[in-house]
Amino acid sequence: MATDLETVETKDTVPLWLAIAITVCVSLPFALWLGRWNLPVWVSFIVWAEYFALGAKWQALIKIVPAYITGVLAASGVMTFYLWLSKEFAPTYWVKPNDIAMFVSCFIAFCVYIYAMKYVAFVRDNTLPFFNGVSMGLAVFFTSAFVAPFVAHPSVYALPWFAAVGAILAGMLGAFLGWFNVAIMFTHPVHKLPPGAPPIEQIPDTSEVSR
């Protein structure tokens, strides 16, 4: 039984350094064994870090998942707009081909997105996973990290959405890895007395009186 002198702390059965190493190994098959469906697990590590940044509790997933997915889809929308403008501005550019299309698409799209955030509560209140979703969606698109599963694609406009599939799948893996990392630590409460406190005497059990 706890007393007023006791403090309650937590202790990890599996230390953090070991839990992280185990979790990294759990992620590797998704990058190595799935053939052309291999996931860009560096995206997963970003979302995994997000989980810790937002408290390392499963309730954080309620914030992370919808905001992250929204960010990925927003990035795909920007890139679709960019690809369309690339055709319109193809003959004209400043320094590199399609640079005008990139400037215009990013300026217009992010003006709209950032302004709209004040009307979308779960994005407004969870900007970290939202912008991580945007950055990961863009990263997968520009690195072509998830094109292999879609060998034959009908249109260049499909490429941002192929990237979105990869970024979302890898992000959901990262959300699982964050939860798994904490779960395998088997954290439990430990009752401690402050330094110098007298030991607690055990009260004998008198529930049964000898006859």
C-alpha atoms as a PDB file:
ATOM      1  CA  MET A   1       0.000   0.000   0.000  1.00  0.00           C
ATOM      2  CA  ALA A   2       1.358   3.444  -0.898  1.00  0.00           C
ATOM      3  CA  THR A   3       1.906   6.018   1.860  1.00  0.00           C
ATOM      4  CA  ASP A   4       2.155   9.797   1.863  1.00  0.00           C
ATOM      5  CA  LEU A   5       5.947   9.498   1.920  1.00  0.00           C
ATOM      6  CA  GLU A   6       6.143   7.350  -1.186  1.00  0.00           C
ATOM      7  CA  THR A   7       6.609   8.693  -4.688  1.00  0.00           C
ATOM      8  CA  VAL A   8       5.574   6.801  -7.785  1.00  0.00           C
ATOM      9  CA  GLU A   9       8.047   6.636 -10.667  1.00  0.00           C
ATOM     10  CA  THR A  10       8.133   4.546 -13.802  1.00  0.00           C
ATOM     11  CA  LYS A  11      10.689   1.981 -14.839  1.00  0.00           C
ATOM     12  CA  ASP A  12      11.273   0.402 -18.239  1.00  0.00           C
ATOM     13  CA  THR A  13      11.684  -3.367 -18.323  1.00  0.00           C
ATOM     14  CA  VAL A  14      13.373  -3.021 -21.740  1.00  0.00           C
ATOM     15  CA  PRO A  15      15.648   0.065 -21.945  1.00  0.00           C
ATOM     16  CA  LEU A  16      14.959   2.679 -24.601  1.00  0.00           C
ATOM     17  CA  TRP A  17      18.195   2.061 -26.528  1.00  0.00           C
ATOM     18  CA  LEU A  18      17.371  -1.627 -26.923  1.00  0.00           C
ATOM     19  CA  ALA A  19      13.719  -0.986 -27.781  1.00  0.00           C
ATOM     20  CA  ILE A  20      14.757   1.421 -30.545  1.00  0.00           C
ATOM     21  CA  ALA A  21      17.216  -1.095 -32.016  1.00  0.00           C
ATOM     22  CA  ILE A  22      14.523  -3.807 -32.012  1.00  0.00           C
ATOM     23  CA  THR A  23      12.026  -1.442 -33.636  1.00  0.00           C
ATOM     24  CA  VAL A  24      14.483  -0.484 -36.390  1.00  0.00           C
ATOM     25  CA  CYS A  25      14.928  -4.179 -37.193  1.00  0.00           C
ATOM     26  CA  VAL A  26      11.142  -4.627 -37.277  1.00  0.00           C
ATOM     27  CA  SER A  27      10.960  -1.890 -39.920  1.00  0.00           C
ATOM     28  CA  LEU A  28      13.631  -3.337 -42.211  1.00  0.00           C
ATOM     29  CA  PRO A  29      11.580  -6.097 -43.887  1.00  0.00           C
ATOM     30  CA  PHE A  30       9.220  -3.414 -45.207  1.00  0.00           C
ATOM     31  CA  ALA A  31      12.181  -1.835 -47.013  1.00  0.00           C
ATOM     32  CA  LEU A  32      13.954  -5.032 -48.091  1.00  0.00           C
ATOM     33  CA  TRP A  33      11.572  -7.952 -48.575  1.00  0.00           C
ATOM     34  CA  LEU A  34       8.597  -6.537 -50.484  1.00  0.00           C
ATOM     35  CA  GLY A  35      10.218  -6.281 -53.898  1.00  0.00           C
ATOM     36  CA  ARG A  36       8.796  -3.460 -55.973  1.00  0.00           C
ATOM     37  CA  TRP A  37       6.441  -2.654 -53.065  1.00  0.00           C
ATOM     38  CA  ASN A  38       9.339  -1.800 -50.744  1.00  0.00           C
ATOM     39  CA  LEU A  39       8.432   1.223 -48.629  1.00  0.00           C
ATOM     40  CA  PRO A  40      10.606   4.338 -48.149  1.00  0.00           C
ATOM     41  CA  VAL A  41      11.100   3.666 -44.443  1.00  0.00           C
ATOM     42  CA  TRP A  42      12.907   6.964 -43.908  1.00  0.00           C
ATOM     43  CA  VAL A  43       9.382   8.387 -44.083  1.00  0.00           C
ATOM     44  CA  SER A  44       8.381   5.940 -41.352  1.00  0.00           C
ATOM     45  CA  PHE A  45      11.198   7.174 -39.129  1.00  0.00           C
ATOM     46  CA  ILE A  46       9.920  10.755 -39.428  1.00  0.00           C
ATOM     47  CA  VAL A  47       6.446   9.738 -38.239  1.00  0.00           C
ATOM     48  CA  TRP A  48       7.983   7.544 -35.540  1.00  0.00           C
ATOM     49  CA  ALA A  49       9.839  10.621 -34.226  1.00  0.00           C
ATOM     50  CA  GLU A  50       6.562  12.568 -34.450  1.00  0.00           C
ATOM     51  CA  TYR A  51       4.947  10.035 -32.125  1.00  0.00           C
ATOM     52  CA  PHE A  52       7.601  10.721 -29.474  1.00  0.00           C
ATOM     53  CA  ALA A  53       7.421  14.486 -30.037  1.00  0.00           C
ATOM     54  CA  LEU A  54       3.672  14.412 -29.331  1.00  0.00           C
ATOM     55  CA  GLY A  55       3.913  12.501 -26.060  1.00  0.00           C
ATOM     56  CA  ALA A  56       4.642   8.868 -27.005  1.00  0.00           C
ATOM     57  CA  LYS A  57       1.116   7.725 -26.081  1.00  0.00           C
ATOM     58  CA  TRP A  58      -1.294   5.894 -28.363  1.00  0.00           C
ATOM     59  CA  GLN A  59      -3.706   8.841 -28.107  1.00  0.00           C
ATOM     60  CA  ALA A  60      -1.187  10.834 -30.174  1.00  0.00           C
ATOM     61  CA  LEU A  61      -2.131   8.699 -33.176  1.00  0.00           C
ATOM     62  CA  ILE A  62      -5.567  10.316 -33.171  1.00  0.00           C
ATOM     63  CA  LYS A  63      -3.778  13.591 -33.921  1.00  0.00           C
ATOM     64  CA  ILE A  64      -1.009  12.276 -36.153  1.00  0.00           C
ATOM     65  CA  VAL A  65      -2.857  10.057 -38.614  1.00  0.00           C
ATOM     66  CA  PRO A  66      -5.526  12.429 -40.031  1.00  0.00           C
ATOM     67  CA  ALA A  67      -3.247  15.493 -40.055  1.00  0.00           C
ATOM     68  CA  TYR A  68      -0.364  13.590 -41.662  1.00  0.00           C
ATOM     69  CA  ILE A  69      -2.562  12.071 -44.388  1.00  0.00           C
ATOM     70  CA  THR A  70      -4.069  15.491 -45.080  1.00  0.00           C
ATOM     71  CA  GLY A  71      -0.559  16.909 -45.489  1.00  0.00           C
ATOM     72  CA  VAL A  72       0.427  14.171 -47.936  1.00  0.00           C
ATOM     73  CA  LEU A  73      -2.692  14.757 -50.030  1.00  0.00           C
ATOM     74  CA  ALA A  74      -2.042  18.498 -49.958  1.00  0.00           C
ATOM     75  CA  ALA A  75       1.458  17.893 -51.325  1.00  0.00           C
ATOM     76  CA  SER A  76       0.050  15.728 -54.109  1.00  0.00           C
ATOM     77  CA  GLY A  77      -2.395  18.491 -54.983  1.00  0.00           C
ATOM     78  CA  VAL A  78       0.453  21.008 -55.240  1.00  0.00           C
ATOM     79  CA  MET A  79       2.471  18.707 -57.504  1.00  0.00           C
ATOM     80  CA  THR A  80      -0.518  17.969 -59.731  1.00  0.00           C
ATOM     81  CA  PHE A  81      -1.019  21.723 -60.135  1.00  0.00           C
ATOM     82  CA  TYR A  82       2.704  22.077 -60.872  1.00  0.00           C
ATOM     83  CA  LEU A  83       2.621  19.399 -63.586  1.00  0.00           C
ATOM     84  CA  TRP A  84      -0.333  21.074 -65.248  1.00  0.00           C
ATOM     85  CA  LEU A  85       1.350  24.490 -65.161  1.00  0.00           C
ATOM     86  CA  SER A  86       4.556  22.949 -66.505  1.00  0.00           C
ATOM     87  CA  LYS A  87       2.799  22.375 -69.803  1.00  0.00           C
ATOM     88  CA  GLU A  88       1.421  25.913 -69.844  1.00  0.00           C
ATOM     89  CA  PHE A  89       4.797  27.541 -69.071  1.00  0.00           C
ATOM     90  CA  ALA A  90       6.962  24.977 -70.890  1.00  0.00           C
ATOM     91  CA  PRO A  91       8.365  27.435 -73.482  1.00  0.00           C
ATOM     92  CA  THR A  92       9.144  30.077 -70.838  1.00  0.00           C
ATOM     93  CA  TYR A  93      11.342  29.853 -67.732  1.00  0.00           C
ATOM     94  CA  TRP A  94      13.710  32.002 -65.682  1.00  0.00           C
ATOM     95  CA  VAL A  95      16.775  29.847 -64.995  1.00  0.00           C
ATOM     96  CA  LYS A  96      15.758  26.187 -65.241  1.00  0.00           C
ATOM     97  CA  PRO A  97      12.918  24.538 -67.199  1.00  0.00           C
ATOM     98  CA  ASN A  98       9.605  24.563 -65.303  1.00  0.00           C
ATOM     99  CA  ASP A  99      10.887  26.887 -62.574  1.00  0.00           C
ATOM    100  CA  ILE A 100       8.080  29.395 -63.212  1.00  0.00           C
ATOM    101  CA  ALA A 101       5.503  26.615 -62.873  1.00  0.00           C
ATOM    102  CA  MET A 102       7.057  25.546 -59.565  1.00  0.00           C
ATOM    103  CA  PHE A 103       7.058  29.089 -58.147  1.00  0.00           C
ATOM    104  CA  VAL A 104       3.478  29.786 -59.203  1.00  0.00           C
ATOM    105  CA  SER A 105       2.037  26.436 -58.076  1.00  0.00           C
ATOM    106  CA  CYS A 106       3.723  26.531 -54.668  1.00  0.00           C
ATOM    107  CA  PHE A 107       2.809  30.174 -54.031  1.00  0.00           C
ATOM    108  CA  ILE A 108      -0.866  29.779 -54.914  1.00  0.00           C
ATOM    109  CA  ALA A 109      -1.352  26.369 -53.305  1.00  0.00           C
ATOM    110  CA  PHE A 110       0.312  27.226 -50.006  1.00  0.00           C
ATOM    111  CA  CYS A 111      -1.535  30.523 -49.757  1.00  0.00           C
ATOM    112  CA  VAL A 112      -4.763  28.552 -50.045  1.00  0.00           C
ATOM    113  CA  TYR A 113      -3.676  25.770 -47.660  1.00  0.00           C
ATOM    114  CA  ILE A 114      -2.323  28.001 -44.926  1.00  0.00           C
ATOM    115  CA  TYR A 115      -5.317  30.325 -45.064  1.00  0.00           C
ATOM    116  CA  ALA A 116      -7.715  27.359 -44.957  1.00  0.00           C
ATOM    117  CA  MET A 117      -6.022  25.893 -41.885  1.00  0.00           C
ATOM    118  CA  LYS A 118      -7.899  28.233 -39.553  1.00  0.00           C
ATOM    119  CA  TYR A 119     -11.143  26.592 -40.658  1.00  0.00           C
ATOM    120  CA  VAL A 120      -9.916  22.997 -40.275  1.00  0.00           C
ATOM    121  CA  ALA A 121      -9.425  22.342 -36.573  1.00  0.00           C
ATOM    122  CA  PHE A 122      -7.547  19.029 -36.679  1.00  0.00           C
ATOM    123  CA  VAL A 123      -4.951  20.549 -39.027  1.00  0.00           C
ATOM    124  CA  ARG A 124      -4.763  23.889 -37.221  1.00  0.00           C
ATOM    125  CA  ASP A 125      -4.171  22.110 -33.904  1.00  0.00           C
ATOM    126  CA  ASN A 126      -1.716  19.548 -35.308  1.00  0.00           C
ATOM    127  CA  THR A 127       0.604  21.484 -37.565  1.00  0.00           C
ATOM    128  CA  LEU A 128       3.625  19.223 -36.947  1.00  0.00           C
ATOM    129  CA  PRO A 129       2.136  16.061 -38.501  1.00  0.00           C
ATOM    130  CA  PHE A 130       0.421  18.118 -41.204  1.00  0.00           C
ATOM    131  CA  PHE A 131       3.632  19.757 -42.412  1.00  0.00           C
ATOM    132  CA  ASN A 132       5.539  16.511 -42.007  1.00  0.00           C
ATOM    133  CA  GLY A 133       2.926  14.972 -44.290  1.00  0.00           C
ATOM    134  CA  VAL A 134       3.492  17.766 -46.813  1.00  0.00           C
ATOM    135  CA  SER A 135       7.274  17.369 -46.693  1.00  0.00           C
ATOM    136  CA  MET A 136       7.147  13.557 -46.913  1.00  0.00           C
ATOM    137  CA  GLY A 137       4.674  13.682 -49.796  1.00  0.00           C
ATOM    138  CA  LEU A 138       6.990  16.046 -51.669  1.00  0.00           C
ATOM    139  CA  ALA A 139      10.063  13.990 -50.783  1.00  0.00           C
ATOM    140  CA  VAL A 140       8.599  10.736 -52.094  1.00  0.00           C
ATOM    141  CA  PHE A 141       7.469  12.499 -55.270  1.00  0.00           C
ATOM    142  CA  PHE A 142      10.811  14.161 -56.040  1.00  0.00           C
ATOM    143  CA  THR A 143      12.850  11.044 -55.240  1.00  0.00           C
ATOM    144  CA  SER A 144      10.484   8.727 -57.164  1.00  0.00           C
ATOM    145  CA  ALA A 145      10.700   6.440 -54.147  1.00  0.00           C
ATOM    146  CA  PHE A 146       7.402   4.663 -54.804  1.00  0.00           C
ATOM    147  CA  VAL A 147       7.013   4.471 -58.577  1.00  0.00           C
ATOM    148  CA  ALA A 148       8.053   0.815 -58.982  1.00  0.00           C
ATOM    149  CA  PRO A 149       4.681  -0.691 -57.932  1.00  0.00           C
ATOM    150  CA  PHE A 150       3.021   1.208 -60.781  1.00  0.00           C
ATOM    151  CA  VAL A 151       5.052   0.098 -63.777  1.00  0.00           C
ATOM    152  CA  ALA A 152       2.527   1.199 -66.370  1.00  0.00           C
ATOM    153  CA  HIS A 153       0.851   4.488 -65.512  1.00  0.00           C
ATOM    154  CA  PRO A 154      -1.575   6.269 -67.812  1.00  0.00           C
ATOM    155  CA  SER A 155      -0.597   9.868 -67.149  1.00  0.00           C
ATOM    156  CA  VAL A 156       2.110  12.027 -65.645  1.00  0.00           C
ATOM    157  CA  TYR A 157      -0.596  13.481 -63.430  1.00  0.00           C
ATOM    158  CA  ALA A 158      -0.814  10.138 -61.645  1.00  0.00           C
ATOM    159  CA  LEU A 159       2.761  10.398 -60.333  1.00  0.00           C
ATOM    160  CA  PRO A 160       1.975  12.670 -57.344  1.00  0.00           C
ATOM    161  CA  TRP A 161      -0.761  10.274 -56.252  1.00  0.00           C
ATOM    162  CA  PHE A 162       1.519   7.250 -56.551  1.00  0.00           C
ATOM    163  CA  ALA A 163       3.877   9.157 -54.284  1.00  0.00           C
ATOM    164  CA  ALA A 164       0.980   9.826 -51.913  1.00  0.00           C
ATOM    165  CA  VAL A 165       0.265   6.100 -51.625  1.00  0.00           C
ATOM    166  CA  GLY A 166       3.892   5.413 -50.700  1.00  0.00           C
ATOM    167  CA  ALA A 167       4.096   8.313 -48.248  1.00  0.00           C
ATOM    168  CA  ILE A 168       0.853   7.312 -46.527  1.00  0.00           C
ATOM    169  CA  LEU A 169       1.738   3.611 -46.263  1.00  0.00           C
ATOM    170  CA  ALA A 170       5.199   4.429 -44.922  1.00  0.00           C
ATOM    171  CA  GLY A 171       3.712   6.991 -42.560  1.00  0.00           C
ATOM    172  CA  MET A 172       1.237   4.474 -41.141  1.00  0.00           C
ATOM    173  CA  LEU A 173       4.128   2.076 -40.638  1.00  0.00           C
ATOM    174  CA  GLY A 174       5.899   4.859 -38.749  1.00  0.00           C
ATOM    175  CA  ALA A 175       2.840   5.382 -36.536  1.00  0.00           C
ATOM    176  CA  PHE A 176       2.886   1.662 -35.723  1.00  0.00           C
ATOM    177  CA  LEU A 177       6.633   1.732 -35.040  1.00  0.00           C
ATOM    178  CA  GLY A 178       6.187   4.572 -32.565  1.00  0.00           C
ATOM    179  CA  TRP A 179       3.498   2.645 -30.680  1.00  0.00           C
ATOM    180  CA  PHE A 180       5.484  -0.599 -30.878  1.00  0.00           C
ATOM    181  CA  ASN A 181       8.667   1.056 -29.612  1.00  0.00           C
ATOM    182  CA  VAL A 182       6.908   2.216 -26.442  1.00  0.00           C
ATOM    183  CA  ALA A 183       4.883  -0.985 -25.996  1.00  0.00           C
ATOM    184  CA  ILE A 184       7.911  -3.310 -25.911  1.00  0.00           C
ATOM    185  CA  MET A 185       9.547  -1.255 -23.163  1.00  0.00           C
ATOM    186  CA  PHE A 186       6.916  -2.627 -20.734  1.00  0.00           C
ATOM    187  CA  THR A 187       6.963   0.478 -18.553  1.00  0.00           C
ATOM    188  CA  HIS A 188       5.573  -0.086 -15.047  1.00  0.00           C
ATOM    189  CA  PRO A 189       5.147   2.035 -11.893  1.00  0.00           C
ATOM    190  CA  VAL A 190       7.664   1.804  -9.052  1.00  0.00           C
ATOM    191  CA  HIS A 191       6.956   3.101  -5.523  1.00  0.00           C
ATOM    192  CA  LYS A 192       9.923   4.780  -3.855  1.00  0.00           C
ATOM    193  CA  LEU A 193      10.559   6.391  -0.482  1.00  0.00           C
ATOM    194  CA  PRO A 194      12.446   9.715  -0.371  1.00  0.00           C
ATOM    195  CA  PRO A 195      16.087   9.582   0.830  1.00  0.00           C
ATOM    196  CA  GLY A 196      16.335   9.434   4.633  1.00  0.00           C
ATOM    197  CA  ALA A 197      12.737   8.351   5.141  1.00  0.00           C
ATOM    198  CA  PRO A 198      12.311   5.671   7.811  1.00  0.00           C
ATOM    199  CA  PRO A 199      11.418   2.225   6.526  1.00  0.00           C
ATOM    200  CA  ILE A 200       7.753   1.334   6.594  1.00  0.00           C
ATOM    201  CA  GLU A 201       6.957  -1.270   9.215  1.00  0.00           C
ATOM    202  CA  GLN A 202       4.884  -4.140   8.040  1.00  0.00           C
ATOM    203  CA  ILE A 203       1.548  -4.325   9.860  1.00  0.00           C
ATOM    204  CA  PRO A 204       0.821  -7.910  10.868  1.00  0.00           C
ATOM    205  CA  ASP A 205      -2.238  -9.552   9.386  1.00  0.00           C
ATOM    206  CA  THR A 206      -4.824  -9.837  12.147  1.00  0.00           C
ATOM    207  CA  SER A 207      -7.723 -10.781   9.940  1.00  0.00           C
ATOM    208  CA  GLU A 208      -7.751 -14.210  11.466  1.00  0.00           C
ATOM    209  CA  VAL A 209      -7.606 -14.471  15.250  1.00  0.00           C
ATOM    210  CA  SER A 210      -6.341 -17.717  16.649  1.00  0.00           C
ATOM    211  CA  ARG A 211      -8.720 -19.470  18.966  1.00  0.00           C
END
